[in-house]
Amino acid sequence: LSVPTILTKMGLSEEFWHHKYWLPPGATWEDMKESADIHYPKPQDLLLCIPGALLLIIVRYIFERTVAMPLGRRLGVRDKRRPKAQPNATLEGFYNLLGRTPKEGDLISLAKQSNLPVKKVETWFRHRRAQDCPRLTKKFCESSWRFTFYFTSFFSGLVLLYDKPWVWDHTVCWLNFPQQPLLPLLGWFYLLELSFYWSLVFTLPFDVKRK
C-alpha cells in the first residue's frame, strides 16, 4: 500500500497530506514505496502506542506493588499520621465548591453557619487539606517507576544509537532524505517511548499533582 492510500483509509484528507507540504521539492510519496529490503514507518504504526500504553500501566502497577513499595519500606519511607477532619456538611460543601483556603470573612460566616468557633473552622480546613495531600509512599512509588523507566530507556538508547553514524556526524542526518528507512529495533524503541508518555496521560488524573 502507498502512503496516500493508507492515509485515505485512516480517514485523513489527501490534500492535507499532499507531498508538497511534507517532502522536499522533487520527492513524492511514491518515492517512499517499500521493497523486500527497505521498510518505512507507516502512520498506522502509531496505533500500537495505545495498547502499548495500557500494557505499561499494568507493568507499572505490578512494579509499584512488588518492587517500589517493599523498597520504600526498607529505606524507611513511611506515611505520616494525619488528623482526620470531622464530618461537617457545611464546611465540606464550601471546601469542594468554593475553595480549600477560605478568607477571613468566609471563616466568620462558616463559623456562624456551623455553630463552631472560628479557630475550629480554621483547624478543620487545615486537617481537610492534609487529607487530600498525596501520601509519601505514593510519591515514592510514582517517582521510582519514572526513574526506572527513564534510566533504562536512556542507556538502552545509548546502546542502540552508539554505532549509528548520525549520532557522531550531524551532516549524515539528512543524507538521502526523505528515503531514510527506519531500523525495526529503533522503531520499536520510539514506539515504547511514545507509549510511555501516553500512559502518563492516561494516569494523569490519578497521579500526584504537580504545581
N, C-alpha and C. Protein backbone atom coordinates (compact mmCIF):
# COMPACT_ATOMS: atom_id res chain seq x y z
N LEU A 1 0.84 -1.20 0.00
CA LEU A 1 0.00 0.00 0.00
C LEU A 1 0.88 1.25 0.00
N SER A 2 0.45 2.24 -0.78
CA SER A 2 1.17 3.50 -0.79
C SER A 2 0.74 4.35 0.39
N VAL A 3 1.55 5.35 0.73
CA VAL A 3 1.22 6.22 1.86
C VAL A 3 -0.11 6.93 1.67
N PRO A 4 -0.40 7.54 0.48
CA PRO A 4 -1.69 8.21 0.31
C PRO A 4 -2.86 7.27 0.53
N THR A 5 -2.74 6.01 0.06
CA THR A 5 -3.83 5.04 0.25
C THR A 5 -4.05 4.76 1.73
N ILE A 6 -2.96 4.60 2.46
CA ILE A 6 -3.06 4.34 3.90
C ILE A 6 -3.73 5.51 4.61
N LEU A 7 -3.32 6.73 4.25
CA LEU A 7 -3.88 7.92 4.89
C LEU A 7 -5.36 8.06 4.58
N THR A 8 -5.76 7.72 3.34
CA THR A 8 -7.17 7.80 2.97
C THR A 8 -7.98 6.80 3.78
N LYS A 9 -7.45 5.60 3.96
CA LYS A 9 -8.16 4.58 4.74
C LYS A 9 -8.28 4.98 6.20
N MET A 10 -7.35 5.77 6.69
CA MET A 10 -7.41 6.25 8.07
C MET A 10 -8.35 7.45 8.20
N GLY A 11 -8.94 7.89 7.10
CA GLY A 11 -9.89 9.00 7.15
C GLY A 11 -9.23 10.36 7.16
N LEU A 12 -8.00 10.44 6.74
CA LEU A 12 -7.28 11.71 6.72
C LEU A 12 -7.34 12.33 5.33
N SER A 13 -7.39 13.62 5.26
CA SER A 13 -7.52 14.33 3.99
C SER A 13 -6.26 14.16 3.15
N GLU A 14 -6.48 13.81 1.89
CA GLU A 14 -5.34 13.66 0.99
C GLU A 14 -4.67 15.01 0.74
N GLU A 15 -5.45 16.07 0.68
CA GLU A 15 -4.87 17.39 0.44
C GLU A 15 -3.95 17.80 1.58
N PHE A 16 -4.38 17.51 2.82
CA PHE A 16 -3.56 17.85 3.98
C PHE A 16 -2.21 17.12 3.92
N TRP A 17 -2.24 15.87 3.45
CA TRP A 17 -1.03 15.07 3.41
C TRP A 17 -0.34 15.13 2.04
N HIS A 18 -0.64 16.14 1.26
CA HIS A 18 0.00 16.27 -0.06
C HIS A 18 1.52 16.36 0.11
N HIS A 19 2.22 15.71 -0.79
CA HIS A 19 3.69 15.62 -0.64
C HIS A 19 4.38 16.98 -0.64
N LYS A 20 3.74 18.00 -1.25
CA LYS A 20 4.41 19.31 -1.30
C LYS A 20 4.54 19.95 0.07
N TYR A 21 3.72 19.50 1.02
CA TYR A 21 3.80 20.05 2.38
C TYR A 21 4.79 19.29 3.26
N TRP A 22 5.06 18.04 2.93
CA TRP A 22 5.80 17.18 3.84
C TRP A 22 7.15 16.71 3.31
N LEU A 23 7.31 16.73 2.00
CA LEU A 23 8.55 16.21 1.42
C LEU A 23 9.30 17.32 0.69
N PRO A 24 10.61 17.16 0.54
CA PRO A 24 11.40 18.18 -0.17
C PRO A 24 11.01 18.25 -1.64
N PRO A 25 11.34 19.36 -2.32
CA PRO A 25 10.99 19.51 -3.74
C PRO A 25 11.52 18.35 -4.58
N GLY A 26 10.66 17.86 -5.44
CA GLY A 26 11.06 16.77 -6.32
C GLY A 26 10.75 15.39 -5.78
N ALA A 27 10.37 15.29 -4.51
CA ALA A 27 10.06 13.99 -3.90
C ALA A 27 8.55 13.85 -3.73
N THR A 28 8.05 12.65 -3.95
CA THR A 28 6.63 12.36 -3.76
C THR A 28 6.49 11.13 -2.86
N TRP A 29 5.25 10.85 -2.48
CA TRP A 29 5.01 9.67 -1.65
C TRP A 29 5.34 8.38 -2.40
N GLU A 30 5.31 8.44 -3.72
CA GLU A 30 5.64 7.25 -4.50
C GLU A 30 7.10 6.85 -4.31
N ASP A 31 7.93 7.85 -3.98
CA ASP A 31 9.35 7.55 -3.74
C ASP A 31 9.55 6.78 -2.44
N MET A 32 8.50 6.71 -1.63
CA MET A 32 8.62 6.07 -0.33
C MET A 32 8.11 4.63 -0.35
N LYS A 33 7.96 4.07 -1.55
CA LYS A 33 7.49 2.69 -1.64
C LYS A 33 8.51 1.74 -1.02
N GLU A 34 7.98 0.70 -0.39
CA GLU A 34 8.84 -0.27 0.26
C GLU A 34 9.24 -1.37 -0.72
N SER A 35 10.30 -2.04 -0.35
CA SER A 35 10.75 -3.21 -1.11
C SER A 35 11.02 -4.33 -0.12
N ALA A 36 11.56 -5.41 -0.61
CA ALA A 36 11.83 -6.54 0.28
C ALA A 36 12.86 -6.20 1.34
N ASP A 37 13.78 -5.29 1.02
CA ASP A 37 14.86 -4.95 1.95
C ASP A 37 14.68 -3.60 2.63
N ILE A 38 13.79 -2.78 2.11
CA ILE A 38 13.63 -1.42 2.65
C ILE A 38 12.23 -1.27 3.23
N HIS A 39 12.17 -0.85 4.48
CA HIS A 39 10.88 -0.66 5.16
C HIS A 39 10.84 0.73 5.77
N TYR A 40 9.71 1.39 5.59
CA TYR A 40 9.50 2.72 6.16
C TYR A 40 8.40 2.65 7.22
N PRO A 41 8.46 3.50 8.22
CA PRO A 41 7.37 3.52 9.21
C PRO A 41 6.07 3.99 8.55
N LYS A 42 4.96 3.41 8.99
CA LYS A 42 3.65 3.76 8.44
C LYS A 42 2.83 4.50 9.49
N PRO A 43 1.91 5.34 9.04
CA PRO A 43 1.09 6.09 10.01
C PRO A 43 0.34 5.19 10.98
N GLN A 44 -0.16 4.05 10.49
CA GLN A 44 -0.94 3.19 11.39
C GLN A 44 -0.08 2.54 12.47
N ASP A 45 1.24 2.61 12.32
CA ASP A 45 2.12 2.08 13.37
C ASP A 45 1.89 2.81 14.69
N LEU A 46 1.47 4.07 14.61
CA LEU A 46 1.26 4.86 15.82
C LEU A 46 0.12 4.31 16.67
N LEU A 47 -0.79 3.55 16.04
CA LEU A 47 -1.91 2.98 16.79
C LEU A 47 -1.43 1.96 17.82
N LEU A 48 -0.23 1.43 17.62
CA LEU A 48 0.32 0.47 18.58
C LEU A 48 0.63 1.13 19.92
N CYS A 49 0.71 2.46 19.94
CA CYS A 49 1.02 3.16 21.19
C CYS A 49 -0.09 3.01 22.22
N ILE A 50 -1.34 2.86 21.77
CA ILE A 50 -2.45 2.76 22.71
C ILE A 50 -2.40 1.46 23.51
N PRO A 51 -2.37 0.29 22.85
CA PRO A 51 -2.21 -0.93 23.66
C PRO A 51 -0.88 -0.97 24.40
N GLY A 52 0.16 -0.34 23.80
CA GLY A 52 1.44 -0.27 24.49
C GLY A 52 1.34 0.51 25.78
N ALA A 53 0.59 1.61 25.76
CA ALA A 53 0.40 2.42 26.96
C ALA A 53 -0.36 1.64 28.03
N LEU A 54 -1.40 0.92 27.62
CA LEU A 54 -2.17 0.12 28.58
C LEU A 54 -1.31 -0.98 29.19
N LEU A 55 -0.45 -1.57 28.38
CA LEU A 55 0.46 -2.60 28.89
C LEU A 55 1.44 -2.01 29.90
N LEU A 56 1.95 -0.81 29.62
CA LEU A 56 2.88 -0.17 30.55
C LEU A 56 2.19 0.20 31.86
N ILE A 57 0.91 0.55 31.80
CA ILE A 57 0.17 0.84 33.04
C ILE A 57 0.09 -0.41 33.91
N ILE A 58 -0.13 -1.56 33.28
CA ILE A 58 -0.17 -2.82 34.04
C ILE A 58 1.21 -3.12 34.63
N VAL A 59 2.25 -2.94 33.81
CA VAL A 59 3.62 -3.17 34.30
C VAL A 59 3.94 -2.23 35.45
N ARG A 60 3.50 -0.98 35.32
CA ARG A 60 3.74 -0.01 36.38
C ARG A 60 3.05 -0.43 37.67
N TYR A 61 1.81 -0.89 37.58
CA TYR A 61 1.07 -1.31 38.77
C TYR A 61 1.80 -2.45 39.48
N ILE A 62 2.25 -3.44 38.69
CA ILE A 62 2.98 -4.57 39.27
C ILE A 62 4.30 -4.10 39.88
N PHE A 63 5.00 -3.22 39.18
CA PHE A 63 6.29 -2.71 39.67
C PHE A 63 6.12 -1.97 41.00
N GLU A 64 5.11 -1.11 41.08
CA GLU A 64 4.92 -0.32 42.30
C GLU A 64 4.57 -1.21 43.48
N ARG A 65 3.79 -2.28 43.24
CA ARG A 65 3.37 -3.15 44.34
C ARG A 65 4.46 -4.13 44.76
N THR A 66 5.23 -4.62 43.81
CA THR A 66 6.19 -5.68 44.13
C THR A 66 7.62 -5.20 44.32
N VAL A 67 7.94 -4.02 43.79
CA VAL A 67 9.32 -3.52 43.88
C VAL A 67 9.39 -2.22 44.67
N ALA A 68 8.64 -1.21 44.23
CA ALA A 68 8.78 0.12 44.82
C ALA A 68 8.32 0.17 46.28
N MET A 69 7.16 -0.41 46.58
CA MET A 69 6.67 -0.36 47.96
C MET A 69 7.57 -1.10 48.94
N PRO A 70 8.00 -2.35 48.64
CA PRO A 70 8.94 -3.02 49.55
C PRO A 70 10.26 -2.26 49.69
N LEU A 71 10.74 -1.69 48.58
CA LEU A 71 11.98 -0.91 48.64
C LEU A 71 11.79 0.31 49.52
N GLY A 72 10.66 0.98 49.39
CA GLY A 72 10.39 2.15 50.22
C GLY A 72 10.36 1.81 51.70
N ARG A 73 9.75 0.68 52.03
CA ARG A 73 9.71 0.27 53.45
C ARG A 73 11.11 -0.01 53.97
N ARG A 74 11.95 -0.63 53.15
CA ARG A 74 13.32 -0.92 53.59
C ARG A 74 14.14 0.35 53.76
N LEU A 75 13.80 1.37 52.98
CA LEU A 75 14.52 2.64 53.08
C LEU A 75 13.93 3.56 54.14
N GLY A 76 12.89 3.10 54.81
CA GLY A 76 12.29 3.89 55.88
C GLY A 76 11.25 4.89 55.43
N VAL A 77 10.71 4.71 54.24
CA VAL A 77 9.66 5.63 53.76
C VAL A 77 8.35 5.25 54.43
N ARG A 78 7.79 6.17 55.18
CA ARG A 78 6.55 5.91 55.91
C ARG A 78 5.60 7.08 55.73
N ASP A 79 4.32 6.76 55.74
CA ASP A 79 3.30 7.81 55.69
C ASP A 79 3.09 8.38 57.09
N LYS A 80 3.05 9.70 57.17
CA LYS A 80 2.80 10.34 58.46
C LYS A 80 1.32 10.22 58.82
N ARG A 81 1.08 10.07 60.09
CA ARG A 81 -0.31 10.04 60.55
C ARG A 81 -0.89 11.44 60.47
N ARG A 82 -2.06 11.53 59.89
CA ARG A 82 -2.69 12.83 59.70
C ARG A 82 -4.01 12.87 60.45
N PRO A 83 -4.26 13.97 61.15
CA PRO A 83 -5.55 14.10 61.83
C PRO A 83 -6.68 14.17 60.82
N LYS A 84 -7.77 13.49 61.11
CA LYS A 84 -8.89 13.44 60.17
C LYS A 84 -9.90 14.53 60.51
N ALA A 85 -10.35 15.24 59.49
CA ALA A 85 -11.35 16.29 59.69
C ALA A 85 -12.70 15.65 60.02
N GLN A 86 -13.37 16.18 61.04
CA GLN A 86 -14.68 15.66 61.42
C GLN A 86 -15.71 15.95 60.33
N PRO A 87 -16.63 15.03 60.09
CA PRO A 87 -17.67 15.27 59.07
C PRO A 87 -18.47 16.53 59.36
N ASN A 88 -18.58 17.38 58.37
CA ASN A 88 -19.34 18.63 58.51
C ASN A 88 -19.81 19.03 57.11
N ALA A 89 -21.12 18.91 56.87
CA ALA A 89 -21.66 19.14 55.53
C ALA A 89 -21.44 20.57 55.06
N THR A 90 -21.57 21.54 55.97
CA THR A 90 -21.42 22.95 55.59
C THR A 90 -19.99 23.25 55.15
N LEU A 91 -19.04 22.84 55.96
CA LEU A 91 -17.64 23.09 55.64
C LEU A 91 -17.19 22.28 54.43
N GLU A 92 -17.69 21.06 54.33
CA GLU A 92 -17.32 20.21 53.19
C GLU A 92 -17.84 20.80 51.88
N GLY A 93 -19.05 21.34 51.92
CA GLY A 93 -19.62 21.96 50.73
C GLY A 93 -18.80 23.15 50.27
N PHE A 94 -18.38 24.00 51.23
CA PHE A 94 -17.54 25.15 50.88
C PHE A 94 -16.20 24.67 50.33
N TYR A 95 -15.63 23.67 50.95
CA TYR A 95 -14.32 23.15 50.55
C TYR A 95 -14.35 22.64 49.11
N ASN A 96 -15.40 21.93 48.75
CA ASN A 96 -15.48 21.33 47.42
C ASN A 96 -15.88 22.32 46.33
N LEU A 97 -16.69 23.31 46.70
CA LEU A 97 -17.25 24.20 45.68
C LEU A 97 -16.54 25.55 45.57
N LEU A 98 -16.09 26.09 46.70
CA LEU A 98 -15.60 27.46 46.70
C LEU A 98 -14.11 27.61 46.98
N GLY A 99 -13.48 26.60 47.53
CA GLY A 99 -12.04 26.73 47.75
C GLY A 99 -11.57 26.03 49.00
N ARG A 100 -10.29 25.70 48.97
CA ARG A 100 -9.69 24.97 50.10
C ARG A 100 -9.16 25.90 51.18
N THR A 101 -9.01 27.19 50.84
CA THR A 101 -8.45 28.15 51.80
C THR A 101 -9.38 29.35 51.89
N PRO A 102 -10.37 29.30 52.78
CA PRO A 102 -11.32 30.42 52.89
C PRO A 102 -10.67 31.67 53.47
N LYS A 103 -11.17 32.81 53.05
CA LYS A 103 -10.68 34.08 53.58
C LYS A 103 -11.29 34.34 54.96
N GLU A 104 -10.81 35.41 55.59
CA GLU A 104 -11.24 35.68 56.97
C GLU A 104 -12.75 35.87 57.06
N GLY A 105 -13.32 36.60 56.09
CA GLY A 105 -14.76 36.81 56.11
C GLY A 105 -15.53 35.51 55.93
N ASP A 106 -15.01 34.63 55.09
CA ASP A 106 -15.66 33.33 54.89
C ASP A 106 -15.57 32.48 56.15
N LEU A 107 -14.44 32.57 56.85
CA LEU A 107 -14.29 31.80 58.08
C LEU A 107 -15.33 32.21 59.12
N ILE A 108 -15.53 33.52 59.25
CA ILE A 108 -16.52 34.01 60.22
C ILE A 108 -17.92 33.55 59.83
N SER A 109 -18.24 33.64 58.55
CA SER A 109 -19.56 33.21 58.08
C SER A 109 -19.76 31.71 58.28
N LEU A 110 -18.73 30.93 57.98
CA LEU A 110 -18.83 29.48 58.15
C LEU A 110 -18.94 29.09 59.61
N ALA A 111 -18.25 29.85 60.46
CA ALA A 111 -18.32 29.57 61.90
C ALA A 111 -19.75 29.77 62.42
N LYS A 112 -20.42 30.81 61.93
CA LYS A 112 -21.81 31.06 62.35
C LYS A 112 -22.75 29.97 61.81
N GLN A 113 -22.53 29.59 60.55
CA GLN A 113 -23.41 28.59 59.93
C GLN A 113 -23.26 27.21 60.58
N SER A 114 -22.05 26.88 60.96
CA SER A 114 -21.80 25.55 61.54
C SER A 114 -21.80 25.56 63.06
N ASN A 115 -22.00 26.76 63.65
CA ASN A 115 -22.06 26.88 65.11
C ASN A 115 -20.75 26.38 65.76
N LEU A 116 -19.64 26.84 65.18
CA LEU A 116 -18.33 26.46 65.69
C LEU A 116 -17.47 27.71 65.86
N PRO A 117 -16.49 27.68 66.76
CA PRO A 117 -15.55 28.81 66.86
C PRO A 117 -14.72 28.93 65.58
N VAL A 118 -14.31 30.15 65.27
CA VAL A 118 -13.52 30.39 64.06
C VAL A 118 -12.24 29.56 64.07
N LYS A 119 -11.64 29.43 65.25
CA LYS A 119 -10.40 28.66 65.37
C LYS A 119 -10.61 27.20 64.96
N LYS A 120 -11.75 26.64 65.35
CA LYS A 120 -12.02 25.25 64.98
C LYS A 120 -12.29 25.11 63.49
N VAL A 121 -12.89 26.13 62.90
CA VAL A 121 -13.12 26.10 61.45
C VAL A 121 -11.78 26.13 60.71
N GLU A 122 -10.86 26.97 61.19
CA GLU A 122 -9.52 27.02 60.58
C GLU A 122 -8.83 25.66 60.70
N THR A 123 -8.95 25.05 61.89
CA THR A 123 -8.33 23.74 62.11
C THR A 123 -8.95 22.69 61.19
N TRP A 124 -10.28 22.77 61.02
CA TRP A 124 -10.95 21.80 60.15
C TRP A 124 -10.41 21.90 58.73
N PHE A 125 -10.26 23.09 58.20
CA PHE A 125 -9.76 23.25 56.83
C PHE A 125 -8.31 22.79 56.72
N ARG A 126 -7.53 23.03 57.76
CA ARG A 126 -6.13 22.58 57.73
C ARG A 126 -6.07 21.05 57.68
N HIS A 127 -6.88 20.39 58.50
CA HIS A 127 -6.91 18.93 58.51
C HIS A 127 -7.47 18.39 57.19
N ARG A 128 -8.46 19.08 56.66
CA ARG A 128 -9.08 18.61 55.41
C ARG A 128 -8.10 18.72 54.24
N ARG A 129 -7.31 19.80 54.22
CA ARG A 129 -6.30 19.94 53.16
C ARG A 129 -5.24 18.85 53.28
N ALA A 130 -4.89 18.52 54.52
CA ALA A 130 -3.88 17.48 54.75
C ALA A 130 -4.37 16.12 54.25
N GLN A 131 -5.68 15.89 54.36
CA GLN A 131 -6.24 14.62 53.88
C GLN A 131 -6.07 14.46 52.38
N ASP A 132 -6.14 15.55 51.65
CA ASP A 132 -6.05 15.49 50.19
C ASP A 132 -4.61 15.48 49.67
N CYS A 133 -3.66 15.76 50.54
CA CYS A 133 -2.26 15.74 50.10
C CYS A 133 -1.83 14.31 49.80
N PRO A 134 -1.11 14.09 48.70
CA PRO A 134 -0.67 12.72 48.38
C PRO A 134 0.27 12.19 49.45
N ARG A 135 0.15 10.92 49.71
CA ARG A 135 0.97 10.30 50.75
C ARG A 135 2.40 10.07 50.23
N LEU A 136 3.32 10.01 51.17
CA LEU A 136 4.73 9.89 50.82
C LEU A 136 5.02 8.60 50.07
N THR A 137 4.37 7.51 50.47
CA THR A 137 4.61 6.24 49.77
C THR A 137 4.12 6.30 48.32
N LYS A 138 3.03 7.01 48.08
CA LYS A 138 2.53 7.17 46.70
C LYS A 138 3.54 7.95 45.87
N LYS A 139 4.08 9.03 46.45
CA LYS A 139 5.09 9.82 45.73
C LYS A 139 6.32 8.97 45.43
N PHE A 140 6.73 8.17 46.42
CA PHE A 140 7.93 7.35 46.25
C PHE A 140 7.73 6.32 45.15
N CYS A 141 6.58 5.66 45.15
CA CYS A 141 6.31 4.63 44.14
C CYS A 141 6.26 5.24 42.74
N GLU A 142 5.60 6.38 42.63
CA GLU A 142 5.50 7.03 41.32
C GLU A 142 6.87 7.48 40.81
N SER A 143 7.65 8.08 41.70
CA SER A 143 8.99 8.54 41.30
C SER A 143 9.90 7.37 40.96
N SER A 144 9.75 6.26 41.69
CA SER A 144 10.57 5.08 41.42
C SER A 144 10.29 4.52 40.03
N TRP A 145 9.02 4.49 39.67
CA TRP A 145 8.65 3.99 38.34
C TRP A 145 9.24 4.87 37.24
N ARG A 146 9.10 6.17 37.40
CA ARG A 146 9.60 7.08 36.36
C ARG A 146 11.13 7.01 36.28
N PHE A 147 11.78 6.96 37.43
CA PHE A 147 13.24 6.87 37.43
C PHE A 147 13.69 5.59 36.73
N THR A 148 13.04 4.48 37.05
CA THR A 148 13.42 3.20 36.45
C THR A 148 13.25 3.22 34.94
N PHE A 149 12.13 3.77 34.48
CA PHE A 149 11.90 3.80 33.03
C PHE A 149 12.89 4.73 32.35
N TYR A 150 13.07 5.94 32.89
CA TYR A 150 13.99 6.89 32.26
C TYR A 150 15.42 6.36 32.25
N PHE A 151 15.82 5.75 33.35
CA PHE A 151 17.18 5.20 33.46
C PHE A 151 17.38 4.10 32.42
N THR A 152 16.42 3.19 32.35
CA THR A 152 16.51 2.07 31.42
C THR A 152 16.48 2.54 29.97
N SER A 153 15.54 3.43 29.66
CA SER A 153 15.40 3.88 28.27
C SER A 153 16.61 4.71 27.84
N PHE A 154 17.19 5.48 28.77
CA PHE A 154 18.35 6.31 28.41
C PHE A 154 19.53 5.43 27.99
N PHE A 155 19.85 4.45 28.82
CA PHE A 155 21.01 3.62 28.50
C PHE A 155 20.71 2.64 27.36
N SER A 156 19.45 2.25 27.22
CA SER A 156 19.08 1.43 26.06
C SER A 156 19.26 2.23 24.78
N GLY A 157 18.87 3.50 24.83
CA GLY A 157 19.06 4.37 23.68
C GLY A 157 20.52 4.55 23.32
N LEU A 158 21.36 4.68 24.35
CA LEU A 158 22.80 4.79 24.08
C LEU A 158 23.34 3.56 23.37
N VAL A 159 22.91 2.39 23.84
CA VAL A 159 23.37 1.14 23.23
C VAL A 159 22.90 1.03 21.78
N LEU A 160 21.63 1.41 21.55
CA LEU A 160 21.07 1.30 20.21
C LEU A 160 21.68 2.28 19.22
N LEU A 161 22.03 3.47 19.70
CA LEU A 161 22.47 4.54 18.81
C LEU A 161 23.99 4.71 18.75
N TYR A 162 24.70 4.01 19.61
CA TYR A 162 26.14 4.24 19.73
C TYR A 162 26.87 4.04 18.41
N ASP A 163 26.50 3.03 17.66
CA ASP A 163 27.23 2.72 16.42
C ASP A 163 26.60 3.35 15.19
N LYS A 164 25.64 4.26 15.38
CA LYS A 164 24.98 4.90 14.24
C LYS A 164 25.76 6.15 13.84
N PRO A 165 26.05 6.33 12.56
CA PRO A 165 26.91 7.46 12.13
C PRO A 165 26.30 8.82 12.41
N TRP A 166 24.95 8.94 12.35
CA TRP A 166 24.34 10.26 12.53
C TRP A 166 24.42 10.76 13.97
N VAL A 167 24.78 9.89 14.91
CA VAL A 167 24.95 10.33 16.29
C VAL A 167 26.21 11.17 16.43
N TRP A 168 27.23 10.82 15.66
CA TRP A 168 28.53 11.48 15.80
C TRP A 168 28.79 12.51 14.70
N ASP A 169 28.06 12.42 13.60
CA ASP A 169 28.27 13.35 12.48
C ASP A 169 26.90 13.87 12.03
N HIS A 170 26.59 15.11 12.39
CA HIS A 170 25.26 15.65 12.10
C HIS A 170 25.02 15.85 10.61
N THR A 171 26.09 15.89 9.81
CA THR A 171 25.89 16.07 8.36
C THR A 171 25.25 14.83 7.73
N VAL A 172 25.30 13.71 8.42
CA VAL A 172 24.71 12.47 7.89
C VAL A 172 23.20 12.42 8.13
N CYS A 173 22.71 13.28 9.02
CA CYS A 173 21.30 13.22 9.41
C CYS A 173 20.36 13.36 8.21
N TRP A 174 20.72 14.22 7.26
CA TRP A 174 19.83 14.50 6.13
C TRP A 174 20.27 13.80 4.85
N LEU A 175 21.18 12.86 4.97
CA LEU A 175 21.66 12.14 3.80
C LEU A 175 20.53 11.28 3.21
N ASN A 176 20.27 11.48 1.91
CA ASN A 176 19.23 10.74 1.17
C ASN A 176 17.82 11.01 1.68
N PHE A 177 17.63 12.09 2.42
CA PHE A 177 16.28 12.42 2.89
C PHE A 177 15.36 12.66 1.69
N PRO A 178 14.11 12.17 1.69
CA PRO A 178 13.40 11.52 2.80
C PRO A 178 13.50 10.00 2.79
N GLN A 179 14.31 9.45 1.89
CA GLN A 179 14.41 7.99 1.81
C GLN A 179 15.39 7.49 2.87
N GLN A 180 14.89 7.45 4.09
CA GLN A 180 15.70 7.02 5.23
C GLN A 180 14.94 5.91 5.97
N PRO A 181 15.19 4.68 5.61
CA PRO A 181 14.49 3.57 6.27
C PRO A 181 14.77 3.57 7.77
N LEU A 182 13.77 3.15 8.53
CA LEU A 182 13.90 3.08 9.99
C LEU A 182 14.18 1.64 10.39
N LEU A 183 15.27 1.44 11.12
CA LEU A 183 15.59 0.10 11.59
C LEU A 183 14.49 -0.40 12.52
N PRO A 184 14.07 -1.66 12.39
CA PRO A 184 12.97 -2.18 13.21
C PRO A 184 13.20 -2.00 14.71
N LEU A 185 14.43 -2.24 15.16
CA LEU A 185 14.70 -2.12 16.59
C LEU A 185 14.53 -0.69 17.07
N LEU A 186 14.97 0.27 16.26
CA LEU A 186 14.79 1.68 16.62
C LEU A 186 13.32 2.07 16.58
N GLY A 187 12.60 1.52 15.61
CA GLY A 187 11.17 1.80 15.52
C GLY A 187 10.44 1.35 16.77
N TRP A 188 10.74 0.17 17.26
CA TRP A 188 10.11 -0.32 18.49
C TRP A 188 10.53 0.52 19.69
N PHE A 189 11.77 0.98 19.68
CA PHE A 189 12.23 1.83 20.78
C PHE A 189 11.44 3.14 20.82
N TYR A 190 11.24 3.76 19.67
CA TYR A 190 10.47 5.01 19.61
C TYR A 190 9.02 4.78 20.01
N LEU A 191 8.44 3.66 19.59
CA LEU A 191 7.06 3.35 19.96
C LEU A 191 6.94 3.12 21.46
N LEU A 192 7.96 2.52 22.06
CA LEU A 192 7.94 2.31 23.51
C LEU A 192 7.97 3.65 24.24
N GLU A 193 8.80 4.57 23.77
CA GLU A 193 8.87 5.89 24.39
C GLU A 193 7.53 6.61 24.28
N LEU A 194 6.93 6.56 23.09
CA LEU A 194 5.65 7.23 22.90
C LEU A 194 4.56 6.57 23.73
N SER A 195 4.60 5.25 23.85
CA SER A 195 3.63 4.54 24.69
C SER A 195 3.75 4.96 26.14
N PHE A 196 4.99 5.18 26.59
CA PHE A 196 5.19 5.61 27.98
C PHE A 196 4.53 6.95 28.24
N TYR A 197 4.69 7.90 27.34
CA TYR A 197 4.10 9.22 27.56
C TYR A 197 2.58 9.17 27.43
N TRP A 198 2.07 8.29 26.58
CA TRP A 198 0.61 8.11 26.54
C TRP A 198 0.12 7.52 27.86
N SER A 199 0.89 6.61 28.44
CA SER A 199 0.48 6.03 29.73
C SER A 199 0.43 7.10 30.81
N LEU A 200 1.35 8.07 30.76
CA LEU A 200 1.32 9.17 31.72
C LEU A 200 0.08 10.04 31.52
N VAL A 201 -0.33 10.20 30.27
CA VAL A 201 -1.55 10.97 30.00
C VAL A 201 -2.77 10.25 30.57
N PHE A 202 -2.82 8.93 30.39
CA PHE A 202 -3.96 8.16 30.87
C PHE A 202 -4.05 8.16 32.40
N THR A 203 -2.91 8.17 33.08
CA THR A 203 -2.92 8.11 34.55
C THR A 203 -2.83 9.49 35.19
N LEU A 204 -2.86 10.53 34.38
CA LEU A 204 -2.72 11.90 34.90
C LEU A 204 -3.74 12.23 36.00
N PRO A 205 -5.02 11.85 35.87
CA PRO A 205 -5.97 12.20 36.94
C PRO A 205 -5.68 11.51 38.27
N PHE A 206 -4.90 10.42 38.24
CA PHE A 206 -4.66 9.66 39.46
C PHE A 206 -3.26 9.87 40.03
N ASP A 207 -2.37 10.48 39.26
CA ASP A 207 -1.00 10.70 39.73
C ASP A 207 -0.92 11.91 40.64
N VAL A 208 0.23 12.04 41.30
CA VAL A 208 0.46 13.17 42.19
C VAL A 208 0.43 14.45 41.37
N LYS A 209 -0.39 15.39 41.80
CA LYS A 209 -0.50 16.66 41.07
C LYS A 209 0.70 17.53 41.39
N ARG A 210 1.28 18.09 40.34
CA ARG A 210 2.46 18.95 40.49
C ARG A 210 2.11 20.38 40.11
N LYS A 211 2.76 21.31 40.79
CA LYS A 211 2.48 22.73 40.53
C LYS A 211 3.08 23.14 39.20
